Amino acid sequence: MLPLKPALRAARLAHSFFPFSQLRTARLLLGLNGAQPLEVHRPLFGYDFALQAQRSTTHMLLYLQGERFLADLELIEPHLRPGMVVFDVGANIGYLAMYLRRRIGDSGQLYCFEPEPTNFAELQANLHRNHLSNCHALQLAVGAKEGTVTFTPGLNGFVAPEGASGIPVPVTPLDLFIEQRHLPRVDFVKIDVEGFEVDVLSGMTATLSRPDKPILYVEVHGRGEYYNGNPRRVCEILEGVYRNIRAYVSPDDFKARQGRLRRVLQRVSPFDSVERSCRVDLEEVKRHDERRYQLLCLP
């Protein structure tokens, strides 16, 4: 058996040229590691990003792919600039936070909300490791009202149905958080909360009613994924406050359905883009209850 660290480096190098069967490689590497702790580091958007890779294939894929793991960045890149105040709601372990921080620079402020304890530990460690003093990790869920919710832990943890087992986590509405922090404005809010989107939006009605409302980037989950997902209601709320809403099928899901040849062409073609390949009509989002979509809402 190869020593694991050289095998990891070799796999990462190989997949930078051969972008196929990465999930199989991730599973193989996890099998070689067994149940042992495995912290690996890689550059990510100019930062030193550490991963507790033994936790999941997602961690290992992020190690193998790096910045290519985030397939949708071109959708939000034109709308991020230095000095912005940004909320990352459902920050997970912080890989998108690294990108957001790079875009807003030293003069911006980034607030990362992540209630799941193990995810939060990774998020917080990466912010501290890179000395990002203008990035604030908050072990909080975001919802419609202040209180406590039962949370099902895990990498993609979610608010549990009533009566289900889980861990208690504190929850805050964004309107209240903004008031308590005396924030004069919020420029950009990313929301990825595994079916809890309606509650998050219901807790920021005052923010969404402002003339200088933030740009929203929302991942929408249907009931086919999470019990409380409600794409139609999410769209209705957003249509009431935004005139420009762009809808996309999740780039990750779109990419997974493509054949190998198509993926190679997308990788080398200067004419293909996520914007063009994944754009759908908002009515499609309302009709489908089993797919993931991204909504970009522009004031």
C-alpha atoms as a PDB file:
ATOM      1  CA  MET A   1       0.000   0.000   0.000  1.00  0.00           C
ATOM      2  CA  LEU A   2       1.295   3.487  -0.868  1.00  0.00           C
ATOM      3  CA  PRO A   3       1.841   5.917   2.020  1.00  0.00           C
ATOM      4  CA  LEU A   4      -1.322   7.986   2.045  1.00  0.00           C
ATOM      5  CA  LYS A   5       0.108  11.514   1.806  1.00  0.00           C
ATOM      6  CA  PRO A   6       2.066  10.778  -1.427  1.00  0.00           C
ATOM      7  CA  ALA A   7      -1.032   9.050  -2.796  1.00  0.00           C
ATOM      8  CA  LEU A   8      -3.101  12.134  -2.021  1.00  0.00           C
ATOM      9  CA  ARG A   9      -0.660  14.431  -3.788  1.00  0.00           C
ATOM     10  CA  ALA A  10      -0.436  12.104  -6.784  1.00  0.00           C
ATOM     11  CA  ALA A  11      -4.223  11.886  -7.049  1.00  0.00           C
ATOM     12  CA  ARG A  12      -4.593  15.663  -6.892  1.00  0.00           C
ATOM     13  CA  LEU A  13      -2.003  16.157  -9.636  1.00  0.00           C
ATOM     14  CA  ALA A  14      -3.554  13.452 -11.832  1.00  0.00           C
ATOM     15  CA  HIS A  15      -7.060  14.888 -11.568  1.00  0.00           C
ATOM     16  CA  SER A  16      -5.870  18.364 -12.485  1.00  0.00           C
ATOM     17  CA  PHE A  17      -5.332  16.897 -15.982  1.00  0.00           C
ATOM     18  CA  PHE A  18      -7.913  14.096 -15.958  1.00  0.00           C
ATOM     19  CA  PRO A  19     -11.181  15.407 -14.494  1.00  0.00           C
ATOM     20  CA  PHE A  20     -13.038  12.088 -14.403  1.00  0.00           C
ATOM     21  CA  SER A  21     -13.753   9.391 -11.806  1.00  0.00           C
ATOM     22  CA  GLN A  22     -12.899  11.804  -9.015  1.00  0.00           C
ATOM     23  CA  LEU A  23     -15.618  10.442  -6.753  1.00  0.00           C
ATOM     24  CA  ARG A  24     -14.186   6.952  -7.184  1.00  0.00           C
ATOM     25  CA  THR A  25     -10.734   8.270  -6.293  1.00  0.00           C
ATOM     26  CA  ALA A  26     -12.121  10.072  -3.241  1.00  0.00           C
ATOM     27  CA  ARG A  27     -13.744   6.873  -1.991  1.00  0.00           C
ATOM     28  CA  LEU A  28     -10.551   4.908  -2.613  1.00  0.00           C
ATOM     29  CA  LEU A  29      -8.467   7.377  -0.634  1.00  0.00           C
ATOM     30  CA  LEU A  30     -10.935   7.347   2.239  1.00  0.00           C
ATOM     31  CA  GLY A  31     -10.839   3.552   2.229  1.00  0.00           C
ATOM     32  CA  LEU A  32      -7.036   3.606   2.415  1.00  0.00           C
ATOM     33  CA  ASN A  33      -7.211   6.004   5.343  1.00  0.00           C
ATOM     34  CA  GLY A  34      -9.772   4.026   7.309  1.00  0.00           C
ATOM     35  CA  ALA A  35     -11.135   5.772  10.387  1.00  0.00           C
ATOM     36  CA  GLN A  36      -7.930   7.683  11.156  1.00  0.00           C
ATOM     37  CA  PRO A  37      -7.919  11.497  11.440  1.00  0.00           C
ATOM     38  CA  LEU A  38      -6.691  13.018   8.200  1.00  0.00           C
ATOM     39  CA  GLU A  39      -6.070  16.755   7.998  1.00  0.00           C
ATOM     40  CA  VAL A  40      -4.954  17.874   4.558  1.00  0.00           C
ATOM     41  CA  HIS A  41      -4.096  21.347   3.295  1.00  0.00           C
ATOM     42  CA  ARG A  42      -4.381  22.944  -0.119  1.00  0.00           C
ATOM     43  CA  PRO A  43      -4.354  26.482  -1.515  1.00  0.00           C
ATOM     44  CA  LEU A  44      -7.841  27.880  -2.061  1.00  0.00           C
ATOM     45  CA  PHE A  45      -8.397  31.373  -3.483  1.00  0.00           C
ATOM     46  CA  GLY A  46      -4.999  32.388  -2.166  1.00  0.00           C
ATOM     47  CA  TYR A  47      -5.538  31.034   1.350  1.00  0.00           C
ATOM     48  CA  ASP A  48      -4.250  27.988   3.222  1.00  0.00           C
ATOM     49  CA  PHE A  49      -7.343  25.818   3.509  1.00  0.00           C
ATOM     50  CA  ALA A  50      -7.368  22.808   5.839  1.00  0.00           C
ATOM     51  CA  LEU A  51      -9.784  19.909   5.484  1.00  0.00           C
ATOM     52  CA  GLN A  52     -10.641  17.167   7.944  1.00  0.00           C
ATOM     53  CA  ALA A  53     -10.717  14.820   4.984  1.00  0.00           C
ATOM     54  CA  GLN A  54     -11.742  11.712   6.919  1.00  0.00           C
ATOM     55  CA  ARG A  55     -15.225  13.213   7.359  1.00  0.00           C
ATOM     56  CA  SER A  56     -16.655  12.749   3.862  1.00  0.00           C
ATOM     57  CA  THR A  57     -16.153  12.278   0.140  1.00  0.00           C
ATOM     58  CA  THR A  58     -17.099  15.951  -0.241  1.00  0.00           C
ATOM     59  CA  HIS A  59     -14.009  16.909   1.762  1.00  0.00           C
ATOM     60  CA  MET A  60     -11.846  14.658  -0.382  1.00  0.00           C
ATOM     61  CA  LEU A  61     -13.356  16.012  -3.614  1.00  0.00           C
ATOM     62  CA  LEU A  62     -12.654  19.547  -2.452  1.00  0.00           C
ATOM     63  CA  TYR A  63      -9.053  18.532  -1.791  1.00  0.00           C
ATOM     64  CA  LEU A  64      -8.752  17.004  -5.278  1.00  0.00           C
ATOM     65  CA  GLN A  65     -10.531  19.777  -7.188  1.00  0.00           C
ATOM     66  CA  GLY A  66      -9.773  22.928  -5.244  1.00  0.00           C
ATOM     67  CA  GLU A  67     -11.378  25.987  -6.803  1.00  0.00           C
ATOM     68  CA  ARG A  68     -12.939  23.849  -9.550  1.00  0.00           C
ATOM     69  CA  PHE A  69     -15.173  22.319  -6.861  1.00  0.00           C
ATOM     70  CA  LEU A  70     -17.284  25.502  -6.914  1.00  0.00           C
ATOM     71  CA  ALA A  71     -18.915  25.367 -10.316  1.00  0.00           C
ATOM     72  CA  ASP A  72     -21.138  28.435  -9.981  1.00  0.00           C
ATOM     73  CA  LEU A  73     -18.747  31.231  -9.087  1.00  0.00           C
ATOM     74  CA  GLU A  74     -19.097  32.968 -12.447  1.00  0.00           C
ATOM     75  CA  LEU A  75     -22.753  33.667 -11.572  1.00  0.00           C
ATOM     76  CA  ILE A  76     -21.867  35.812  -8.569  1.00  0.00           C
ATOM     77  CA  GLU A  77     -18.417  37.152  -9.469  1.00  0.00           C
ATOM     78  CA  PRO A  78     -19.741  40.262 -11.294  1.00  0.00           C
ATOM     79  CA  HIS A  79     -21.759  41.248  -8.227  1.00  0.00           C
ATOM     80  CA  LEU A  80     -19.011  41.160  -5.591  1.00  0.00           C
ATOM     81  CA  ARG A  81     -16.557  43.998  -5.041  1.00  0.00           C
ATOM     82  CA  PRO A  82     -14.145  45.281  -2.382  1.00  0.00           C
ATOM     83  CA  GLY A  83     -15.695  46.850   0.710  1.00  0.00           C
ATOM     84  CA  MET A  84     -18.990  44.938   0.613  1.00  0.00           C
ATOM     85  CA  VAL A  85     -20.803  43.652   3.711  1.00  0.00           C
ATOM     86  CA  VAL A  86     -21.613  40.008   2.961  1.00  0.00           C
ATOM     87  CA  PHE A  87     -23.587  37.305   4.815  1.00  0.00           C
ATOM     88  CA  ASP A  88     -22.799  33.627   4.184  1.00  0.00           C
ATOM     89  CA  VAL A  89     -25.874  31.866   5.601  1.00  0.00           C
ATOM     90  CA  GLY A  90     -25.129  28.159   5.797  1.00  0.00           C
ATOM     91  CA  ALA A  91     -21.373  28.602   5.540  1.00  0.00           C
ATOM     92  CA  ASN A  92     -20.593  24.897   6.049  1.00  0.00           C
ATOM     93  CA  ILE A  93     -16.818  24.450   6.440  1.00  0.00           C
ATOM     94  CA  GLY A  94     -15.940  27.744   4.783  1.00  0.00           C
ATOM     95  CA  TYR A  95     -14.852  27.023   1.229  1.00  0.00           C
ATOM     96  CA  LEU A  96     -17.176  29.642  -0.288  1.00  0.00           C
ATOM     97  CA  ALA A  97     -16.252  32.017   2.550  1.00  0.00           C
ATOM     98  CA  MET A  98     -12.666  31.963   1.261  1.00  0.00           C
ATOM     99  CA  TYR A  99     -13.878  33.111  -2.152  1.00  0.00           C
ATOM    100  CA  LEU A 100     -16.163  35.784  -0.697  1.00  0.00           C
ATOM    101  CA  ARG A 101     -13.348  37.120   1.466  1.00  0.00           C
ATOM    102  CA  ARG A 102     -11.014  37.292  -1.526  1.00  0.00           C
ATOM    103  CA  ARG A 103     -13.591  39.329  -3.460  1.00  0.00           C
ATOM    104  CA  ILE A 104     -14.485  41.832  -0.701  1.00  0.00           C
ATOM    105  CA  GLY A 105     -10.893  42.291   0.471  1.00  0.00           C
ATOM    106  CA  ASP A 106      -9.609  43.862   3.672  1.00  0.00           C
ATOM    107  CA  SER A 107     -12.157  46.678   3.557  1.00  0.00           C
ATOM    108  CA  GLY A 108     -15.239  44.434   3.539  1.00  0.00           C
ATOM    109  CA  GLN A 109     -16.985  42.491   6.289  1.00  0.00           C
ATOM    110  CA  LEU A 110     -18.043  38.834   6.072  1.00  0.00           C
ATOM    111  CA  TYR A 111     -20.460  37.185   8.533  1.00  0.00           C
ATOM    112  CA  CYS A 112     -20.573  33.367   8.328  1.00  0.00           C
ATOM    113  CA  PHE A 113     -23.546  31.597   9.921  1.00  0.00           C
ATOM    114  CA  GLU A 114     -23.122  27.850  10.555  1.00  0.00           C
ATOM    115  CA  PRO A 115     -24.972  25.992  13.355  1.00  0.00           C
ATOM    116  CA  GLU A 116     -23.553  22.474  12.859  1.00  0.00           C
ATOM    117  CA  PRO A 117     -20.799  21.997  15.496  1.00  0.00           C
ATOM    118  CA  THR A 118     -18.235  20.029  13.466  1.00  0.00           C
ATOM    119  CA  ASN A 119     -18.692  22.183  10.382  1.00  0.00           C
ATOM    120  CA  PHE A 120     -18.392  25.298  12.527  1.00  0.00           C
ATOM    121  CA  ALA A 121     -15.116  24.066  14.036  1.00  0.00           C
ATOM    122  CA  GLU A 122     -13.606  23.662  10.558  1.00  0.00           C
ATOM    123  CA  LEU A 123     -14.965  27.031   9.421  1.00  0.00           C
ATOM    124  CA  GLN A 124     -13.629  28.859  12.459  1.00  0.00           C
ATOM    125  CA  ALA A 125     -10.226  27.153  12.254  1.00  0.00           C
ATOM    126  CA  ASN A 126      -9.769  28.186   8.614  1.00  0.00           C
ATOM    127  CA  LEU A 127     -10.678  31.802   9.305  1.00  0.00           C
ATOM    128  CA  HIS A 128      -8.243  31.913  12.231  1.00  0.00           C
ATOM    129  CA  ARG A 129      -5.497  30.098  10.316  1.00  0.00           C
ATOM    130  CA  ASN A 130      -5.542  32.782   7.645  1.00  0.00           C
ATOM    131  CA  HIS A 131      -5.837  35.694  10.130  1.00  0.00           C
ATOM    132  CA  LEU A 132      -9.039  36.972   8.544  1.00  0.00           C
ATOM    133  CA  SER A 133     -10.030  39.487  11.184  1.00  0.00           C
ATOM    134  CA  ASN A 134     -12.867  40.920   9.104  1.00  0.00           C
ATOM    135  CA  CYS A 135     -14.550  37.496   8.842  1.00  0.00           C
ATOM    136  CA  HIS A 136     -16.866  36.567  11.693  1.00  0.00           C
ATOM    137  CA  ALA A 137     -17.892  32.939  12.351  1.00  0.00           C
ATOM    138  CA  LEU A 138     -21.240  32.642  14.139  1.00  0.00           C
ATOM    139  CA  GLN A 139     -22.529  29.313  15.449  1.00  0.00           C
ATOM    140  CA  LEU A 140     -26.132  30.204  14.725  1.00  0.00           C
ATOM    141  CA  ALA A 141     -28.984  29.031  12.564  1.00  0.00           C
ATOM    142  CA  VAL A 142     -30.932  31.726  10.740  1.00  0.00           C
ATOM    143  CA  GLY A 143     -34.718  31.639  10.685  1.00  0.00           C
ATOM    144  CA  ALA A 144     -38.014  33.466  11.044  1.00  0.00           C
ATOM    145  CA  LYS A 145     -37.812  34.212  14.760  1.00  0.00           C
ATOM    146  CA  GLU A 146     -35.388  34.123  17.662  1.00  0.00           C
ATOM    147  CA  GLY A 147     -35.230  30.957  19.727  1.00  0.00           C
ATOM    148  CA  THR A 148     -33.992  27.384  19.394  1.00  0.00           C
ATOM    149  CA  VAL A 149     -34.535  24.719  16.748  1.00  0.00           C
ATOM    150  CA  THR A 150     -33.753  21.014  16.623  1.00  0.00           C
ATOM    151  CA  PHE A 151     -30.985  20.350  14.143  1.00  0.00           C
ATOM    152  CA  THR A 152     -29.960  17.099  12.454  1.00  0.00           C
ATOM    153  CA  PRO A 153     -26.138  17.197  12.500  1.00  0.00           C
ATOM    154  CA  GLY A 154     -23.835  16.209   9.652  1.00  0.00           C
ATOM    155  CA  LEU A 155     -21.932  17.801   6.800  1.00  0.00           C
ATOM    156  CA  ASN A 156     -25.238  18.840   5.212  1.00  0.00           C
ATOM    157  CA  GLY A 157     -27.087  19.271   8.491  1.00  0.00           C
ATOM    158  CA  PHE A 158     -30.632  20.601   8.448  1.00  0.00           C
ATOM    159  CA  VAL A 159     -33.437  21.764  10.696  1.00  0.00           C
ATOM    160  CA  ALA A 160     -35.272  18.622  11.806  1.00  0.00           C
ATOM    161  CA  PRO A 161     -39.037  18.019  11.558  1.00  0.00           C
ATOM    162  CA  GLU A 162     -41.048  18.602  14.705  1.00  0.00           C
ATOM    163  CA  GLY A 163     -40.622  15.685  17.104  1.00  0.00           C
ATOM    164  CA  ALA A 164     -37.497  14.324  15.401  1.00  0.00           C
ATOM    165  CA  SER A 165     -34.270  13.750  17.296  1.00  0.00           C
ATOM    166  CA  GLY A 166     -31.327  16.088  16.920  1.00  0.00           C
ATOM    167  CA  ILE A 167     -29.345  18.752  18.736  1.00  0.00           C
ATOM    168  CA  PRO A 168     -30.660  22.126  19.914  1.00  0.00           C
ATOM    169  CA  VAL A 169     -29.135  25.116  18.145  1.00  0.00           C
ATOM    170  CA  PRO A 170     -29.867  28.828  18.605  1.00  0.00           C
ATOM    171  CA  VAL A 171     -31.622  30.613  15.757  1.00  0.00           C
ATOM    172  CA  THR A 172     -31.848  34.305  14.927  1.00  0.00           C
ATOM    173  CA  PRO A 173     -33.676  36.304  12.251  1.00  0.00           C
ATOM    174  CA  LEU A 174     -31.368  38.389  10.073  1.00  0.00           C
ATOM    175  CA  ASP A 175     -33.412  41.549  10.676  1.00  0.00           C
ATOM    176  CA  LEU A 176     -32.709  41.248  14.406  1.00  0.00           C
ATOM    177  CA  PHE A 177     -29.047  40.402  13.859  1.00  0.00           C
ATOM    178  CA  ILE A 178     -28.561  43.453  11.632  1.00  0.00           C
ATOM    179  CA  GLU A 179     -30.281  45.666  14.209  1.00  0.00           C
ATOM    180  CA  GLN A 180     -28.230  44.300  17.111  1.00  0.00           C
ATOM    181  CA  ARG A 181     -24.947  44.724  15.215  1.00  0.00           C
ATOM    182  CA  HIS A 182     -25.924  48.251  14.076  1.00  0.00           C
ATOM    183  CA  LEU A 183     -25.055  47.401  10.500  1.00  0.00           C
ATOM    184  CA  PRO A 184     -25.980  50.327   8.245  1.00  0.00           C
ATOM    185  CA  ARG A 185     -26.251  48.083   5.201  1.00  0.00           C
ATOM    186  CA  VAL A 186     -25.858  44.546   3.864  1.00  0.00           C
ATOM    187  CA  ASP A 187     -24.780  44.228   0.252  1.00  0.00           C
ATOM    188  CA  PHE A 188     -24.856  40.519  -0.563  1.00  0.00           C
ATOM    189  CA  VAL A 189     -26.474  37.497   1.117  1.00  0.00           C
ATOM    190  CA  LYS A 190     -25.831  33.902   0.110  1.00  0.00           C
ATOM    191  CA  ILE A 191     -28.364  31.396   1.502  1.00  0.00           C
ATOM    192  CA  ASP A 192     -27.859  27.617   1.461  1.00  0.00           C
ATOM    193  CA  VAL A 193     -29.898  26.131   4.297  1.00  0.00           C
ATOM    194  CA  GLU A 194     -31.149  22.740   3.097  1.00  0.00           C
ATOM    195  CA  GLY A 195     -34.862  23.474   2.763  1.00  0.00           C
ATOM    196  CA  PHE A 196     -35.120  26.211   5.423  1.00  0.00           C
ATOM    197  CA  GLU A 197     -35.166  29.009   2.821  1.00  0.00           C
ATOM    198  CA  VAL A 198     -38.698  30.249   3.556  1.00  0.00           C
ATOM    199  CA  ASP A 199     -37.877  30.712   7.242  1.00  0.00           C
ATOM    200  CA  VAL A 200     -34.678  32.613   6.473  1.00  0.00           C
ATOM    201  CA  LEU A 201     -36.478  34.942   4.065  1.00  0.00           C
ATOM    202  CA  SER A 202     -39.349  35.428   6.537  1.00  0.00           C
ATOM    203  CA  GLY A 203     -36.827  36.647   9.105  1.00  0.00           C
ATOM    204  CA  MET A 204     -35.413  39.368   6.849  1.00  0.00           C
ATOM    205  CA  THR A 205     -38.546  41.125   5.585  1.00  0.00           C
ATOM    206  CA  ALA A 206     -37.367  44.542   6.822  1.00  0.00           C
ATOM    207  CA  THR A 207     -34.010  44.089   5.073  1.00  0.00           C
ATOM    208  CA  LEU A 208     -35.705  43.046   1.836  1.00  0.00           C
ATOM    209  CA  SER A 209     -38.053  46.057   1.993  1.00  0.00           C
ATOM    210  CA  ARG A 210     -35.217  48.589   2.010  1.00  0.00           C
ATOM    211  CA  PRO A 211     -34.444  50.639  -1.121  1.00  0.00           C
ATOM    212  CA  ASP A 212     -30.828  49.448  -0.797  1.00  0.00           C
ATOM    213  CA  LYS A 213     -31.765  45.793  -0.353  1.00  0.00           C
ATOM    214  CA  PRO A 214     -28.932  43.264  -0.770  1.00  0.00           C
ATOM    215  CA  ILE A 215     -28.233  41.044  -3.731  1.00  0.00           C
ATOM    216  CA  LEU A 216     -29.438  37.537  -2.839  1.00  0.00           C
ATOM    217  CA  TYR A 217     -27.980  34.238  -4.002  1.00  0.00           C
ATOM    218  CA  VAL A 218     -30.268  31.450  -2.812  1.00  0.00           C
ATOM    219  CA  GLU A 219     -29.990  27.697  -3.235  1.00  0.00           C
ATOM    220  CA  VAL A 220     -33.539  26.340  -3.403  1.00  0.00           C
ATOM    221  CA  HIS A 221     -34.305  22.804  -2.229  1.00  0.00           C
ATOM    222  CA  GLY A 222     -37.534  20.923  -2.888  1.00  0.00           C
ATOM    223  CA  ARG A 223     -39.395  18.507  -0.643  1.00  0.00           C
ATOM    224  CA  GLY A 224     -37.754  15.720  -2.612  1.00  0.00           C
ATOM    225  CA  GLU A 225     -34.569  16.594  -0.709  1.00  0.00           C
ATOM    226  CA  TYR A 226     -35.797  18.126   2.563  1.00  0.00           C
ATOM    227  CA  TYR A 227     -39.198  17.917   4.210  1.00  0.00           C
ATOM    228  CA  ASN A 228     -39.639  21.687   4.544  1.00  0.00           C
ATOM    229  CA  GLY A 229     -38.409  22.692   1.089  1.00  0.00           C
ATOM    230  CA  ASN A 230     -40.921  24.879  -0.745  1.00  0.00           C
ATOM    231  CA  PRO A 231     -39.605  26.260  -4.072  1.00  0.00           C
ATOM    232  CA  ARG A 232     -42.925  27.834  -5.059  1.00  0.00           C
ATOM    233  CA  ARG A 233     -43.194  29.789  -1.812  1.00  0.00           C
ATOM    234  CA  VAL A 234     -39.542  30.896  -2.042  1.00  0.00           C
ATOM    235  CA  CYS A 235     -40.178  32.252  -5.542  1.00  0.00           C
ATOM    236  CA  GLU A 236     -43.363  34.025  -4.460  1.00  0.00           C
ATOM    237  CA  ILE A 237     -41.593  35.786  -1.587  1.00  0.00           C
ATOM    238  CA  LEU A 238     -38.736  36.893  -3.820  1.00  0.00           C
ATOM    239  CA  GLU A 239     -41.003  38.036  -6.647  1.00  0.00           C
ATOM    240  CA  GLY A 240     -42.666  40.382  -4.168  1.00  0.00           C
ATOM    241  CA  VAL A 241     -39.443  42.302  -3.535  1.00  0.00           C
ATOM    242  CA  TYR A 242     -37.141  41.749  -6.569  1.00  0.00           C
ATOM    243  CA  ARG A 243     -37.834  42.598 -10.188  1.00  0.00           C
ATOM    244  CA  ASN A 244     -34.733  40.860 -11.589  1.00  0.00           C
ATOM    245  CA  ILE A 245     -34.546  37.181 -10.596  1.00  0.00           C
ATOM    246  CA  ARG A 246     -32.301  34.829 -12.554  1.00  0.00           C
ATOM    247  CA  ALA A 247     -32.881  31.103 -12.085  1.00  0.00           C
ATOM    248  CA  TYR A 248     -30.409  28.298 -12.744  1.00  0.00           C
ATOM    249  CA  VAL A 249     -30.475  24.561 -12.368  1.00  0.00           C
ATOM    250  CA  SER A 250     -27.766  23.713  -9.832  1.00  0.00           C
ATOM    251  CA  PRO A 251     -24.460  23.704 -11.764  1.00  0.00           C
ATOM    252  CA  ASP A 252     -23.300  20.664  -9.766  1.00  0.00           C
ATOM    253  CA  ASP A 253     -26.389  18.704 -10.783  1.00  0.00           C
ATOM    254  CA  PHE A 254     -26.082  19.862 -14.399  1.00  0.00           C
ATOM    255  CA  LYS A 255     -22.426  18.835 -14.529  1.00  0.00           C
ATOM    256  CA  ALA A 256     -23.178  15.423 -13.046  1.00  0.00           C
ATOM    257  CA  ARG A 257     -25.649  14.679 -15.858  1.00  0.00           C
ATOM    258  CA  GLN A 258     -23.185  15.470 -18.645  1.00  0.00           C
ATOM    259  CA  GLY A 259     -21.220  12.794 -20.462  1.00  0.00           C
ATOM    260  CA  ARG A 260     -17.444  12.737 -20.391  1.00  0.00           C
ATOM    261  CA  LEU A 261     -17.020  14.250 -23.841  1.00  0.00           C
ATOM    262  CA  ARG A 262     -19.377  17.094 -22.995  1.00  0.00           C
ATOM    263  CA  ARG A 263     -17.470  17.793 -19.783  1.00  0.00           C
ATOM    264  CA  VAL A 264     -14.174  17.916 -21.681  1.00  0.00           C
ATOM    265  CA  LEU A 265     -15.653  20.365 -24.196  1.00  0.00           C
ATOM    266  CA  GLN A 266     -16.985  22.554 -21.371  1.00  0.00           C
ATOM    267  CA  ARG A 267     -13.556  22.494 -19.783  1.00  0.00           C
ATOM    268  CA  VAL A 268     -11.746  23.727 -22.899  1.00  0.00           C
ATOM    269  CA  SER A 269     -14.379  25.773 -24.736  1.00  0.00           C
ATOM    270  CA  PRO A 270     -14.221  29.577 -24.320  1.00  0.00           C
ATOM    271  CA  PHE A 271     -17.823  29.841 -25.508  1.00  0.00           C
ATOM    272  CA  ASP A 272     -19.578  27.719 -22.874  1.00  0.00           C
ATOM    273  CA  SER A 273     -20.609  29.143 -19.528  1.00  0.00           C
ATOM    274  CA  VAL A 274     -22.657  28.239 -16.470  1.00  0.00           C
ATOM    275  CA  GLU A 275     -24.829  31.274 -17.204  1.00  0.00           C
ATOM    276  CA  ARG A 276     -25.777  29.940 -20.618  1.00  0.00           C
ATOM    277  CA  SER A 277     -25.872  26.212 -19.829  1.00  0.00           C
ATOM    278  CA  CYS A 278     -27.824  26.293 -16.581  1.00  0.00           C
ATOM    279  CA  ARG A 279     -30.259  29.217 -17.017  1.00  0.00           C
ATOM    280  CA  VAL A 280     -33.936  28.241 -16.681  1.00  0.00           C
ATOM    281  CA  ASP A 281     -37.259  30.028 -16.389  1.00  0.00           C
ATOM    282  CA  LEU A 282     -38.458  30.849 -12.879  1.00  0.00           C
ATOM    283  CA  GLU A 283     -41.668  28.938 -13.571  1.00  0.00           C
ATOM    284  CA  GLU A 284     -39.622  25.746 -13.799  1.00  0.00           C
ATOM    285  CA  VAL A 285     -38.363  26.298 -10.265  1.00  0.00           C
ATOM    286  CA  LYS A 286     -41.943  26.663  -9.046  1.00  0.00           C
ATOM    287  CA  ARG A 287     -43.078  23.476 -10.783  1.00  0.00           C
ATOM    288  CA  HIS A 288     -40.337  21.097  -9.676  1.00  0.00           C
ATOM    289  CA  ASP A 289     -40.168  19.889  -6.115  1.00  0.00           C
ATOM    290  CA  GLU A 290     -37.293  17.432  -6.371  1.00  0.00           C
ATOM    291  CA  ARG A 291     -34.429  19.463  -7.884  1.00  0.00           C
ATOM    292  CA  ARG A 292     -31.970  22.066  -6.653  1.00  0.00           C
ATOM    293  CA  TYR A 293     -31.882  25.502  -8.198  1.00  0.00           C
ATOM    294  CA  GLN A 294     -29.890  28.683  -7.694  1.00  0.00           C
ATOM    295  CA  LEU A 295     -31.656  32.029  -7.668  1.00  0.00           C
ATOM    296  CA  LEU A 296     -29.730  35.264  -8.184  1.00  0.00           C
ATOM    297  CA  CYS A 297     -31.870  38.220  -7.111  1.00  0.00           C
ATOM    298  CA  LEU A 298     -30.727  41.663  -8.196  1.00  0.00           C
ATOM    299  CA  PRO A 299     -32.289  44.907  -6.844  1.00  0.00           C
END
